N, C-alpha and C. Protein backbone atom coordinates (compact mmCIF):
# COMPACT_ATOMS: atom_id res chain seq x y z
N MET A 1 0.25 8.18 -16.34
CA MET A 1 -0.50 8.49 -15.12
C MET A 1 -1.29 7.26 -14.66
N LYS A 2 -1.11 6.90 -13.41
CA LYS A 2 -1.83 5.75 -12.86
C LYS A 2 -3.32 6.05 -12.79
N ASN A 3 -4.13 5.09 -13.24
CA ASN A 3 -5.59 5.25 -13.15
C ASN A 3 -6.04 4.86 -11.74
N LYS A 4 -6.50 5.84 -10.98
CA LYS A 4 -6.90 5.60 -9.60
C LYS A 4 -8.38 5.26 -9.47
N LEU A 5 -9.13 5.40 -10.56
CA LEU A 5 -10.56 5.13 -10.50
C LEU A 5 -10.81 3.63 -10.46
N THR A 6 -11.62 3.18 -9.51
CA THR A 6 -11.88 1.76 -9.36
C THR A 6 -13.26 1.56 -8.74
N SER A 7 -13.63 0.30 -8.51
CA SER A 7 -14.92 0.01 -7.88
C SER A 7 -14.75 -0.08 -6.37
N ALA A 8 -15.85 0.06 -5.66
CA ALA A 8 -15.80 -0.04 -4.20
C ALA A 8 -15.31 -1.42 -3.76
N ILE A 9 -15.79 -2.47 -4.44
CA ILE A 9 -15.41 -3.83 -4.08
C ILE A 9 -13.92 -4.05 -4.27
N GLU A 10 -13.39 -3.59 -5.39
CA GLU A 10 -11.96 -3.75 -5.66
C GLU A 10 -11.14 -2.94 -4.66
N ALA A 11 -11.59 -1.74 -4.36
CA ALA A 11 -10.84 -0.87 -3.46
C ALA A 11 -10.72 -1.47 -2.06
N VAL A 12 -11.83 -1.92 -1.51
CA VAL A 12 -11.81 -2.43 -0.13
C VAL A 12 -11.18 -3.82 -0.02
N SER A 13 -10.89 -4.44 -1.16
CA SER A 13 -10.20 -5.74 -1.12
C SER A 13 -8.79 -5.59 -0.56
N LYS A 14 -8.31 -4.35 -0.47
CA LYS A 14 -6.99 -4.09 0.11
C LYS A 14 -6.95 -4.33 1.62
N VAL A 15 -8.12 -4.34 2.26
CA VAL A 15 -8.18 -4.54 3.71
C VAL A 15 -7.93 -6.01 4.03
N LYS A 16 -6.96 -6.27 4.90
CA LYS A 16 -6.57 -7.64 5.23
C LYS A 16 -6.76 -7.89 6.73
N ASP A 17 -6.76 -9.18 7.10
CA ASP A 17 -6.86 -9.57 8.51
C ASP A 17 -5.83 -8.81 9.35
N GLY A 18 -6.28 -8.28 10.48
CA GLY A 18 -5.37 -7.62 11.40
C GLY A 18 -5.08 -6.17 11.08
N ASP A 19 -5.66 -5.63 10.00
CA ASP A 19 -5.38 -4.26 9.60
C ASP A 19 -5.98 -3.24 10.57
N THR A 20 -5.38 -2.08 10.59
CA THR A 20 -5.96 -0.90 11.24
C THR A 20 -6.63 -0.07 10.16
N LEU A 21 -7.87 0.32 10.43
CA LEU A 21 -8.72 0.97 9.42
C LEU A 21 -9.23 2.30 9.97
N MET A 22 -8.95 3.39 9.25
CA MET A 22 -9.52 4.69 9.59
C MET A 22 -10.77 4.91 8.73
N ILE A 23 -11.83 5.40 9.36
CA ILE A 23 -13.08 5.68 8.65
C ILE A 23 -13.49 7.11 8.96
N GLY A 24 -13.54 7.95 7.92
CA GLY A 24 -13.85 9.35 8.09
C GLY A 24 -15.32 9.60 8.40
N GLY A 25 -15.62 10.87 8.70
CA GLY A 25 -17.00 11.25 8.95
C GLY A 25 -17.26 11.67 10.37
N PHE A 26 -18.35 12.41 10.53
CA PHE A 26 -18.86 12.83 11.83
C PHE A 26 -20.33 12.45 11.81
N LEU A 27 -20.68 11.30 12.45
CA LEU A 27 -21.99 10.69 12.28
C LEU A 27 -22.24 10.49 10.79
N THR A 28 -23.32 11.07 10.21
CA THR A 28 -23.57 10.85 8.78
C THR A 28 -22.85 11.86 7.90
N GLY A 29 -22.27 12.90 8.49
CA GLY A 29 -21.61 13.93 7.71
C GLY A 29 -20.24 13.51 7.22
N GLY A 30 -20.08 13.39 5.91
CA GLY A 30 -18.79 13.02 5.35
C GLY A 30 -18.41 11.57 5.59
N HIS A 31 -19.41 10.73 5.80
CA HIS A 31 -19.15 9.30 6.06
C HIS A 31 -19.12 8.53 4.74
N PRO A 32 -18.08 7.71 4.48
CA PRO A 32 -17.97 6.96 3.23
C PRO A 32 -18.83 5.69 3.24
N GLU A 33 -20.14 5.86 3.24
CA GLU A 33 -21.08 4.76 3.43
C GLU A 33 -20.90 3.65 2.40
N ASN A 34 -20.71 4.01 1.13
CA ASN A 34 -20.60 2.98 0.08
C ASN A 34 -19.35 2.12 0.26
N LEU A 35 -18.27 2.72 0.70
CA LEU A 35 -17.05 1.96 0.92
C LEU A 35 -17.21 1.01 2.11
N VAL A 36 -17.79 1.50 3.19
CA VAL A 36 -17.97 0.65 4.37
C VAL A 36 -18.94 -0.48 4.05
N LYS A 37 -19.99 -0.19 3.30
CA LYS A 37 -20.96 -1.24 2.93
C LYS A 37 -20.28 -2.31 2.09
N ALA A 38 -19.43 -1.90 1.15
CA ALA A 38 -18.70 -2.86 0.33
C ALA A 38 -17.77 -3.71 1.19
N LEU A 39 -17.16 -3.10 2.19
CA LEU A 39 -16.28 -3.84 3.10
C LEU A 39 -17.07 -4.88 3.87
N VAL A 40 -18.23 -4.48 4.40
CA VAL A 40 -19.07 -5.40 5.17
C VAL A 40 -19.58 -6.54 4.30
N ASP A 41 -20.00 -6.22 3.08
CA ASP A 41 -20.67 -7.19 2.22
C ASP A 41 -19.73 -8.12 1.46
N THR A 42 -18.49 -7.66 1.17
CA THR A 42 -17.64 -8.42 0.24
C THR A 42 -16.26 -8.78 0.78
N ASN A 43 -15.91 -8.32 1.97
CA ASN A 43 -14.58 -8.58 2.50
C ASN A 43 -14.73 -9.17 3.90
N SER A 44 -14.15 -10.32 4.13
CA SER A 44 -14.32 -11.03 5.40
C SER A 44 -13.18 -10.79 6.38
N ALA A 45 -12.31 -9.82 6.11
CA ALA A 45 -11.16 -9.57 6.98
C ALA A 45 -11.60 -9.36 8.43
N GLY A 46 -10.86 -9.96 9.34
CA GLY A 46 -11.19 -9.86 10.76
C GLY A 46 -10.00 -9.38 11.57
N GLY A 47 -10.20 -9.31 12.88
CA GLY A 47 -9.15 -8.84 13.77
C GLY A 47 -8.79 -7.39 13.50
N LEU A 48 -9.79 -6.60 13.11
CA LEU A 48 -9.55 -5.23 12.68
C LEU A 48 -9.49 -4.26 13.86
N THR A 49 -8.71 -3.22 13.68
CA THR A 49 -8.75 -2.05 14.56
C THR A 49 -9.40 -0.93 13.78
N VAL A 50 -10.42 -0.30 14.34
CA VAL A 50 -11.14 0.78 13.67
C VAL A 50 -10.89 2.09 14.40
N ILE A 51 -10.48 3.10 13.65
CA ILE A 51 -10.31 4.45 14.16
C ILE A 51 -11.38 5.31 13.51
N SER A 52 -12.32 5.79 14.31
CA SER A 52 -13.46 6.55 13.80
C SER A 52 -13.91 7.53 14.88
N ASN A 53 -14.25 8.73 14.49
CA ASN A 53 -14.68 9.71 15.47
C ASN A 53 -15.79 9.19 16.35
N ASP A 54 -16.81 8.52 15.75
CA ASP A 54 -18.00 8.16 16.52
C ASP A 54 -18.56 6.78 16.19
N THR A 55 -17.95 6.04 15.31
CA THR A 55 -18.42 4.74 14.82
C THR A 55 -19.86 4.81 14.29
N GLY A 56 -20.30 6.00 13.86
CA GLY A 56 -21.55 6.13 13.12
C GLY A 56 -22.82 5.92 13.93
N THR A 57 -23.89 5.62 13.20
CA THR A 57 -25.21 5.39 13.79
C THR A 57 -25.72 4.03 13.35
N LYS A 58 -26.84 3.60 13.92
CA LYS A 58 -27.41 2.29 13.56
C LYS A 58 -27.82 2.21 12.10
N GLU A 59 -28.03 3.36 11.47
CA GLU A 59 -28.46 3.37 10.07
C GLU A 59 -27.30 3.23 9.10
N LEU A 60 -26.07 3.30 9.57
CA LEU A 60 -24.90 3.23 8.70
C LEU A 60 -24.26 1.85 8.76
N SER A 61 -23.55 1.50 7.70
CA SER A 61 -22.93 0.18 7.61
C SER A 61 -21.81 -0.03 8.63
N ILE A 62 -21.25 1.04 9.15
CA ILE A 62 -20.20 0.87 10.17
C ILE A 62 -20.79 0.20 11.41
N TYR A 63 -22.08 0.39 11.65
CA TYR A 63 -22.75 -0.31 12.75
C TYR A 63 -22.67 -1.82 12.52
N GLN A 64 -22.94 -2.25 11.29
CA GLN A 64 -22.88 -3.67 10.96
C GLN A 64 -21.45 -4.20 11.06
N LEU A 65 -20.48 -3.37 10.69
CA LEU A 65 -19.09 -3.79 10.80
C LEU A 65 -18.72 -4.02 12.27
N VAL A 66 -19.09 -3.08 13.12
CA VAL A 66 -18.79 -3.22 14.55
C VAL A 66 -19.52 -4.43 15.14
N LYS A 67 -20.74 -4.66 14.68
CA LYS A 67 -21.56 -5.75 15.20
C LYS A 67 -21.11 -7.12 14.70
N SER A 68 -20.32 -7.16 13.64
CA SER A 68 -19.98 -8.42 12.97
C SER A 68 -19.01 -9.30 13.76
N GLY A 69 -18.38 -8.74 14.79
CA GLY A 69 -17.40 -9.51 15.54
C GLY A 69 -16.02 -9.50 14.91
N ARG A 70 -15.87 -8.73 13.85
CA ARG A 70 -14.59 -8.67 13.13
C ARG A 70 -13.69 -7.56 13.63
N VAL A 71 -14.20 -6.74 14.56
CA VAL A 71 -13.42 -5.61 15.07
C VAL A 71 -12.95 -5.94 16.49
N LYS A 72 -11.64 -5.90 16.70
CA LYS A 72 -11.08 -6.25 18.01
C LYS A 72 -10.72 -5.02 18.84
N ARG A 73 -10.59 -3.86 18.16
CA ARG A 73 -10.18 -2.67 18.87
C ARG A 73 -10.77 -1.44 18.19
N ILE A 74 -11.18 -0.46 18.99
CA ILE A 74 -11.79 0.75 18.47
C ILE A 74 -11.19 1.96 19.16
N PHE A 75 -10.77 2.94 18.38
CA PHE A 75 -10.36 4.24 18.90
C PHE A 75 -11.42 5.24 18.45
N ALA A 76 -12.05 5.94 19.38
CA ALA A 76 -13.13 6.85 19.02
C ALA A 76 -13.21 7.99 20.01
N SER A 77 -14.10 8.92 19.69
CA SER A 77 -14.33 10.07 20.55
C SER A 77 -15.71 10.03 21.20
N TYR A 78 -16.72 9.68 20.37
CA TYR A 78 -18.10 9.63 20.84
C TYR A 78 -18.75 8.37 20.28
N ILE A 79 -19.40 7.59 21.14
CA ILE A 79 -19.99 6.34 20.67
C ILE A 79 -21.46 6.22 21.03
N GLY A 80 -22.06 7.33 21.47
CA GLY A 80 -23.44 7.28 21.94
C GLY A 80 -24.47 6.95 20.88
N SER A 81 -24.13 7.13 19.61
CA SER A 81 -25.09 6.84 18.53
C SER A 81 -24.91 5.44 17.95
N ASN A 82 -23.95 4.70 18.47
CA ASN A 82 -23.76 3.31 18.05
C ASN A 82 -23.81 2.42 19.29
N PRO A 83 -24.99 1.91 19.63
CA PRO A 83 -25.12 1.12 20.86
C PRO A 83 -24.26 -0.14 20.86
N GLU A 84 -23.91 -0.64 19.70
CA GLU A 84 -23.07 -1.84 19.64
C GLU A 84 -21.66 -1.54 20.14
N THR A 85 -21.14 -0.37 19.80
CA THR A 85 -19.82 0.01 20.31
C THR A 85 -19.87 0.14 21.83
N GLY A 86 -20.96 0.71 22.34
CA GLY A 86 -21.12 0.81 23.79
C GLY A 86 -21.18 -0.54 24.45
N ARG A 87 -21.86 -1.48 23.80
CA ARG A 87 -21.95 -2.84 24.36
C ARG A 87 -20.58 -3.49 24.41
N LEU A 88 -19.79 -3.32 23.35
CA LEU A 88 -18.44 -3.90 23.31
C LEU A 88 -17.56 -3.29 24.40
N LEU A 89 -17.74 -2.00 24.67
CA LEU A 89 -16.99 -1.34 25.73
C LEU A 89 -17.33 -1.96 27.08
N MET A 90 -18.61 -2.21 27.31
CA MET A 90 -19.05 -2.73 28.60
C MET A 90 -18.68 -4.19 28.80
N THR A 91 -18.76 -4.98 27.73
CA THR A 91 -18.49 -6.42 27.85
C THR A 91 -17.02 -6.76 27.72
N GLY A 92 -16.26 -5.87 27.10
CA GLY A 92 -14.85 -6.16 26.86
C GLY A 92 -14.61 -7.08 25.68
N GLU A 93 -15.64 -7.34 24.89
CA GLU A 93 -15.47 -8.20 23.71
C GLU A 93 -14.52 -7.58 22.70
N ALA A 94 -14.46 -6.25 22.69
CA ALA A 94 -13.46 -5.53 21.92
C ALA A 94 -12.88 -4.46 22.83
N LYS A 95 -11.65 -4.05 22.58
CA LYS A 95 -11.04 -3.00 23.38
C LYS A 95 -11.44 -1.66 22.80
N VAL A 96 -12.21 -0.88 23.53
CA VAL A 96 -12.67 0.42 23.07
C VAL A 96 -11.96 1.51 23.87
N GLN A 97 -11.21 2.36 23.17
CA GLN A 97 -10.51 3.46 23.82
C GLN A 97 -11.13 4.78 23.35
N LEU A 98 -11.53 5.60 24.31
CA LEU A 98 -12.15 6.88 24.01
C LEU A 98 -11.17 8.02 24.30
N PHE A 99 -11.21 9.03 23.42
CA PHE A 99 -10.35 10.20 23.56
C PHE A 99 -11.19 11.45 23.36
N PRO A 100 -10.82 12.56 24.00
CA PRO A 100 -11.46 13.83 23.64
C PRO A 100 -11.32 14.05 22.13
N GLN A 101 -12.33 14.64 21.52
CA GLN A 101 -12.35 14.71 20.05
C GLN A 101 -11.13 15.42 19.47
N GLY A 102 -10.75 16.54 20.06
CA GLY A 102 -9.58 17.25 19.56
C GLY A 102 -8.31 16.43 19.72
N THR A 103 -8.22 15.69 20.81
CA THR A 103 -7.06 14.83 21.03
C THR A 103 -6.98 13.74 19.97
N LEU A 104 -8.13 13.12 19.65
CA LEU A 104 -8.14 12.09 18.63
C LEU A 104 -7.69 12.65 17.28
N ALA A 105 -8.19 13.83 16.93
CA ALA A 105 -7.80 14.46 15.67
C ALA A 105 -6.31 14.75 15.64
N GLU A 106 -5.76 15.22 16.76
CA GLU A 106 -4.34 15.56 16.80
C GLU A 106 -3.46 14.31 16.79
N LYS A 107 -3.93 13.21 17.37
CA LYS A 107 -3.18 11.96 17.31
C LYS A 107 -3.05 11.49 15.86
N ILE A 108 -4.14 11.64 15.11
CA ILE A 108 -4.12 11.27 13.70
C ILE A 108 -3.23 12.23 12.90
N ARG A 109 -3.36 13.52 13.19
CA ARG A 109 -2.54 14.52 12.51
C ARG A 109 -1.05 14.25 12.76
N ALA A 110 -0.72 13.88 14.01
CA ALA A 110 0.67 13.58 14.34
C ALA A 110 1.17 12.36 13.55
N GLY A 111 0.28 11.38 13.41
CA GLY A 111 0.65 10.20 12.63
C GLY A 111 0.94 10.56 11.19
N GLY A 112 0.13 11.45 10.62
CA GLY A 112 0.33 11.86 9.24
C GLY A 112 1.55 12.72 9.05
N ALA A 113 1.92 13.48 10.08
CA ALA A 113 3.07 14.39 9.97
C ALA A 113 4.38 13.74 10.40
N GLY A 114 4.31 12.50 10.85
CA GLY A 114 5.53 11.81 11.27
C GLY A 114 6.06 12.28 12.61
N LEU A 115 5.19 12.84 13.45
CA LEU A 115 5.61 13.32 14.77
C LEU A 115 5.62 12.18 15.78
N GLY A 116 6.37 12.38 16.86
CA GLY A 116 6.49 11.35 17.88
C GLY A 116 5.35 11.33 18.86
N GLY A 117 4.49 12.33 18.80
CA GLY A 117 3.36 12.40 19.71
C GLY A 117 2.88 13.83 19.86
N VAL A 118 1.88 14.01 20.72
CA VAL A 118 1.28 15.32 20.97
C VAL A 118 1.20 15.54 22.48
N LEU A 119 1.54 16.74 22.93
CA LEU A 119 1.39 17.09 24.33
C LEU A 119 0.12 17.91 24.50
N THR A 120 -0.76 17.48 25.41
CA THR A 120 -2.01 18.19 25.64
C THR A 120 -2.34 18.21 27.12
N PRO A 121 -2.89 19.33 27.61
CA PRO A 121 -3.32 19.38 29.01
C PRO A 121 -4.70 18.76 29.20
N VAL A 122 -5.38 18.45 28.11
CA VAL A 122 -6.75 17.92 28.19
C VAL A 122 -6.71 16.51 28.80
N GLY A 123 -7.41 16.33 29.89
CA GLY A 123 -7.48 15.02 30.54
C GLY A 123 -6.60 14.87 31.75
N VAL A 124 -5.71 15.83 31.98
CA VAL A 124 -4.85 15.76 33.17
C VAL A 124 -5.73 15.79 34.43
N GLY A 125 -5.47 14.86 35.33
CA GLY A 125 -6.24 14.79 36.57
C GLY A 125 -7.55 14.06 36.45
N THR A 126 -7.78 13.40 35.29
CA THR A 126 -9.01 12.63 35.07
C THR A 126 -8.65 11.20 34.67
N VAL A 127 -9.66 10.37 34.43
CA VAL A 127 -9.41 8.99 34.01
C VAL A 127 -8.70 8.95 32.66
N VAL A 128 -8.75 10.04 31.91
CA VAL A 128 -8.10 10.07 30.59
C VAL A 128 -6.59 9.87 30.72
N GLU A 129 -6.01 10.24 31.85
CA GLU A 129 -4.55 10.17 31.98
C GLU A 129 -4.05 8.78 32.34
N GLU A 130 -4.94 7.85 32.64
CA GLU A 130 -4.53 6.52 33.08
C GLU A 130 -3.68 5.83 32.02
N GLY A 131 -2.50 5.37 32.44
CA GLY A 131 -1.61 4.64 31.55
C GLY A 131 -0.82 5.51 30.59
N LYS A 132 -0.90 6.83 30.75
CA LYS A 132 -0.20 7.73 29.83
C LYS A 132 0.93 8.46 30.56
N LYS A 133 1.95 8.78 29.80
CA LYS A 133 3.09 9.50 30.35
C LYS A 133 2.74 10.98 30.51
N LYS A 134 3.10 11.54 31.66
CA LYS A 134 2.88 12.98 31.90
C LYS A 134 4.22 13.71 31.84
N ILE A 135 4.19 14.86 31.21
CA ILE A 135 5.40 15.67 31.06
C ILE A 135 5.10 17.07 31.59
N GLU A 136 6.01 17.61 32.40
CA GLU A 136 5.81 18.95 32.95
C GLU A 136 6.66 19.96 32.19
N ILE A 137 6.02 21.01 31.72
CA ILE A 137 6.70 22.09 31.01
C ILE A 137 6.27 23.41 31.65
N ASP A 138 7.24 24.20 32.10
CA ASP A 138 6.95 25.48 32.74
C ASP A 138 5.90 25.33 33.85
N GLU A 139 6.10 24.27 34.65
CA GLU A 139 5.25 24.01 35.82
C GLU A 139 3.82 23.65 35.46
N LYS A 140 3.60 23.24 34.24
CA LYS A 140 2.27 22.78 33.82
C LYS A 140 2.38 21.36 33.29
N GLU A 141 1.43 20.49 33.68
CA GLU A 141 1.47 19.09 33.27
C GLU A 141 0.71 18.86 31.96
N TYR A 142 1.30 18.00 31.15
CA TYR A 142 0.69 17.62 29.88
C TYR A 142 0.69 16.10 29.75
N LEU A 143 -0.27 15.58 29.03
CA LEU A 143 -0.27 14.16 28.69
C LEU A 143 0.41 13.98 27.34
N LEU A 144 1.22 12.95 27.24
CA LEU A 144 1.82 12.59 25.95
C LEU A 144 0.87 11.63 25.24
N GLU A 145 0.27 12.08 24.16
CA GLU A 145 -0.61 11.25 23.35
C GLU A 145 0.16 10.76 22.12
N MET A 146 0.16 9.46 21.92
CA MET A 146 0.94 8.87 20.84
C MET A 146 0.22 9.01 19.49
N PRO A 147 0.98 9.06 18.40
CA PRO A 147 0.37 9.23 17.08
C PRO A 147 -0.40 7.99 16.64
N LEU A 148 -1.35 8.19 15.76
CA LEU A 148 -2.12 7.10 15.17
C LEU A 148 -1.92 7.07 13.66
N ARG A 149 -1.71 5.87 13.15
CA ARG A 149 -1.66 5.63 11.70
C ARG A 149 -2.50 4.39 11.40
N SER A 150 -2.77 4.18 10.12
CA SER A 150 -3.55 3.00 9.74
C SER A 150 -3.01 2.39 8.46
N ASN A 151 -3.41 1.16 8.23
CA ASN A 151 -3.07 0.50 6.96
C ASN A 151 -3.91 1.06 5.83
N VAL A 152 -5.20 1.26 6.11
CA VAL A 152 -6.14 1.74 5.08
C VAL A 152 -7.03 2.83 5.69
N ALA A 153 -7.32 3.86 4.89
CA ALA A 153 -8.29 4.88 5.29
C ALA A 153 -9.42 4.94 4.27
N LEU A 154 -10.65 4.96 4.75
CA LEU A 154 -11.83 5.14 3.91
C LEU A 154 -12.34 6.55 4.19
N ILE A 155 -12.32 7.40 3.16
CA ILE A 155 -12.73 8.78 3.36
C ILE A 155 -13.77 9.18 2.31
N LYS A 156 -14.43 10.33 2.55
CA LYS A 156 -15.48 10.82 1.65
C LYS A 156 -15.13 12.22 1.18
N ALA A 157 -15.30 12.46 -0.13
CA ALA A 157 -15.06 13.78 -0.71
C ALA A 157 -16.18 14.11 -1.68
N ASN A 158 -16.31 15.39 -1.97
CA ASN A 158 -17.33 15.81 -2.93
C ASN A 158 -16.87 15.66 -4.36
N LYS A 159 -15.59 15.94 -4.61
CA LYS A 159 -15.09 15.90 -5.99
C LYS A 159 -13.64 15.44 -6.00
N ALA A 160 -13.29 14.67 -7.05
CA ALA A 160 -11.91 14.25 -7.26
C ALA A 160 -11.57 14.44 -8.73
N ASP A 161 -10.29 14.69 -9.01
CA ASP A 161 -9.86 14.65 -10.40
C ASP A 161 -9.06 13.37 -10.64
N GLU A 162 -8.56 13.20 -11.83
CA GLU A 162 -7.92 11.94 -12.23
C GLU A 162 -6.70 11.58 -11.39
N VAL A 163 -6.00 12.59 -10.88
CA VAL A 163 -4.79 12.30 -10.10
C VAL A 163 -5.08 12.19 -8.61
N GLY A 164 -6.36 12.38 -8.21
CA GLY A 164 -6.75 12.16 -6.82
C GLY A 164 -6.86 13.40 -5.98
N ASN A 165 -6.67 14.59 -6.56
CA ASN A 165 -6.90 15.81 -5.79
C ASN A 165 -8.36 15.85 -5.36
N LEU A 166 -8.61 16.20 -4.09
CA LEU A 166 -9.96 16.13 -3.55
C LEU A 166 -10.46 17.49 -3.08
N ILE A 167 -11.74 17.73 -3.31
CA ILE A 167 -12.46 18.84 -2.70
C ILE A 167 -13.47 18.24 -1.72
N ILE A 168 -13.40 18.69 -0.48
CA ILE A 168 -14.33 18.25 0.55
C ILE A 168 -15.02 19.49 1.10
N ASN A 169 -16.32 19.53 1.00
CA ASN A 169 -17.06 20.74 1.34
C ASN A 169 -17.51 20.78 2.80
N GLY A 170 -17.50 21.98 3.36
CA GLY A 170 -18.11 22.24 4.66
C GLY A 170 -17.65 21.33 5.78
N SER A 171 -18.61 20.95 6.63
CA SER A 171 -18.28 20.16 7.81
C SER A 171 -17.86 18.73 7.48
N SER A 172 -18.04 18.31 6.22
CA SER A 172 -17.57 16.99 5.81
C SER A 172 -16.06 16.88 5.83
N ARG A 173 -15.39 18.01 5.98
CA ARG A 173 -13.93 17.97 6.06
C ARG A 173 -13.48 17.27 7.34
N ASN A 174 -14.27 17.39 8.40
CA ASN A 174 -14.00 16.78 9.71
C ASN A 174 -12.74 15.94 9.77
N PHE A 175 -12.88 14.62 9.88
CA PHE A 175 -11.72 13.74 10.01
C PHE A 175 -11.19 13.26 8.66
N ASN A 176 -11.89 13.55 7.58
CA ASN A 176 -11.48 13.04 6.27
C ASN A 176 -10.12 13.58 5.83
N ILE A 177 -9.86 14.85 6.12
CA ILE A 177 -8.60 15.45 5.67
C ILE A 177 -7.41 14.86 6.42
N VAL A 178 -7.47 14.83 7.75
CA VAL A 178 -6.31 14.33 8.51
C VAL A 178 -6.09 12.84 8.29
N MET A 179 -7.18 12.08 8.14
CA MET A 179 -7.02 10.64 7.92
C MET A 179 -6.33 10.34 6.59
N ALA A 180 -6.53 11.20 5.60
CA ALA A 180 -5.89 10.99 4.30
C ALA A 180 -4.37 11.05 4.38
N THR A 181 -3.85 11.72 5.40
CA THR A 181 -2.39 11.84 5.53
C THR A 181 -1.78 10.74 6.38
N ALA A 182 -2.62 9.96 7.08
CA ALA A 182 -2.11 9.06 8.11
C ALA A 182 -2.34 7.59 7.81
N ALA A 183 -2.50 7.24 6.54
CA ALA A 183 -2.75 5.84 6.17
C ALA A 183 -1.81 5.43 5.03
N ASP A 184 -1.49 4.15 5.01
CA ASP A 184 -0.64 3.63 3.93
C ASP A 184 -1.38 3.56 2.61
N TYR A 185 -2.71 3.33 2.67
CA TYR A 185 -3.52 3.21 1.46
C TYR A 185 -4.82 3.98 1.69
N VAL A 186 -5.08 4.98 0.87
CA VAL A 186 -6.23 5.86 1.06
C VAL A 186 -7.24 5.68 -0.09
N ILE A 187 -8.48 5.37 0.29
CA ILE A 187 -9.56 5.20 -0.67
C ILE A 187 -10.56 6.33 -0.47
N ALA A 188 -10.84 7.07 -1.55
CA ALA A 188 -11.76 8.20 -1.46
C ALA A 188 -13.05 7.89 -2.22
N GLU A 189 -14.16 7.94 -1.52
CA GLU A 189 -15.48 7.84 -2.14
C GLU A 189 -15.89 9.25 -2.55
N VAL A 190 -16.25 9.46 -3.82
CA VAL A 190 -16.53 10.81 -4.30
C VAL A 190 -17.85 10.85 -5.06
N ASP A 191 -18.47 12.03 -5.04
CA ASP A 191 -19.72 12.24 -5.77
C ASP A 191 -19.48 12.66 -7.21
N GLU A 192 -18.36 13.34 -7.45
CA GLU A 192 -18.08 13.87 -8.79
C GLU A 192 -16.63 13.59 -9.16
N TYR A 193 -16.42 13.22 -10.42
CA TYR A 193 -15.09 12.86 -10.90
C TYR A 193 -14.83 13.64 -12.18
N VAL A 194 -13.71 14.38 -12.21
CA VAL A 194 -13.42 15.24 -13.35
C VAL A 194 -12.01 14.99 -13.88
N LYS A 195 -11.71 15.57 -15.02
CA LYS A 195 -10.40 15.43 -15.65
C LYS A 195 -9.34 16.19 -14.86
N GLU A 196 -8.09 15.77 -15.02
CA GLU A 196 -6.98 16.48 -14.40
C GLU A 196 -6.96 17.92 -14.90
N GLY A 197 -6.77 18.85 -13.99
CA GLY A 197 -6.73 20.26 -14.36
C GLY A 197 -8.05 20.99 -14.20
N GLU A 198 -9.12 20.25 -13.96
CA GLU A 198 -10.44 20.88 -13.83
C GLU A 198 -10.74 21.36 -12.41
N ILE A 199 -9.87 21.04 -11.47
CA ILE A 199 -10.02 21.54 -10.10
C ILE A 199 -9.01 22.66 -9.87
N ASP A 200 -9.48 23.80 -9.43
CA ASP A 200 -8.61 24.91 -9.09
C ASP A 200 -7.71 24.48 -7.93
N PRO A 201 -6.39 24.57 -8.08
CA PRO A 201 -5.49 24.16 -7.01
C PRO A 201 -5.79 24.84 -5.67
N ASN A 202 -6.34 26.05 -5.72
CA ASN A 202 -6.67 26.77 -4.49
C ASN A 202 -7.82 26.13 -3.73
N HIS A 203 -8.57 25.24 -4.40
CA HIS A 203 -9.72 24.61 -3.77
C HIS A 203 -9.44 23.20 -3.28
N VAL A 204 -8.23 22.70 -3.51
CA VAL A 204 -7.89 21.33 -3.12
C VAL A 204 -7.72 21.23 -1.61
N ASN A 205 -8.44 20.31 -1.00
CA ASN A 205 -8.31 20.04 0.43
C ASN A 205 -7.34 18.90 0.73
N VAL A 206 -7.31 17.90 -0.16
CA VAL A 206 -6.39 16.77 -0.02
C VAL A 206 -5.64 16.60 -1.34
N PRO A 207 -4.34 16.82 -1.38
CA PRO A 207 -3.57 16.64 -2.60
C PRO A 207 -3.58 15.18 -3.06
N GLY A 208 -3.57 15.00 -4.37
CA GLY A 208 -3.66 13.65 -4.94
C GLY A 208 -2.56 12.71 -4.54
N ILE A 209 -1.43 13.23 -4.09
CA ILE A 209 -0.33 12.35 -3.69
C ILE A 209 -0.71 11.46 -2.52
N PHE A 210 -1.70 11.88 -1.74
CA PHE A 210 -2.15 11.08 -0.59
C PHE A 210 -3.17 10.01 -0.98
N VAL A 211 -3.78 10.11 -2.15
CA VAL A 211 -4.93 9.27 -2.51
C VAL A 211 -4.50 8.15 -3.46
N ASP A 212 -4.83 6.92 -3.07
CA ASP A 212 -4.43 5.76 -3.87
C ASP A 212 -5.55 5.23 -4.76
N ALA A 213 -6.81 5.37 -4.33
CA ALA A 213 -7.94 4.84 -5.10
C ALA A 213 -9.13 5.80 -5.00
N ILE A 214 -9.86 5.91 -6.09
CA ILE A 214 -11.06 6.77 -6.14
C ILE A 214 -12.24 5.92 -6.54
N VAL A 215 -13.33 6.04 -5.79
CA VAL A 215 -14.57 5.31 -6.10
C VAL A 215 -15.67 6.33 -6.33
N LYS A 216 -16.15 6.40 -7.57
CA LYS A 216 -17.23 7.33 -7.92
C LYS A 216 -18.57 6.69 -7.56
N VAL A 217 -19.41 7.44 -6.84
CA VAL A 217 -20.72 6.92 -6.45
C VAL A 217 -21.80 7.89 -6.90
N GLY A 218 -23.05 7.43 -6.88
CA GLY A 218 -24.16 8.31 -7.20
C GLY A 218 -24.28 8.61 -8.68
């Protein structure tokens, strides 16, 4: 059995120049703060694309990552709590693309499921449709939203076992579950680490087959 337990520094060393990076969480809920901090402090990779629901708040390390000049593109849903992301949107220093929250989640889900895209009526007739293909089905128009995948995903869970099965409690499930399916390399920051077999299979939110590295914190 491969030992997936590692340090935050070793785990985030997988991030390379030009990578696309998914970061789980909804503001502070379910945000992998220790992993992002290790990335900011110990990895100088640049030219990054960040996929994050909201790019966090000023109190989180993702704010420092966005502010560092190392991020060239951002896919998000809400950026009002990170003024630096808003500044980049206004200045054009980085390309910031905003999506309705459900659309962003479904784009990631499609990437994880190997789908060619998602059809949604959300955004039809608004600025959201600019540059997107429209498809009519039964006299109703839909936007074709393309799937999203990443090289690395940083996610947060409450508990992991040795093979990487994860339990994520409550609202922390947010983007952490879908992002785990849509990345080539998945790093899970966890509060509790147990032996294989100690997690009831009925309670697993993310199967261990999706998880490449586990970082125990706290």
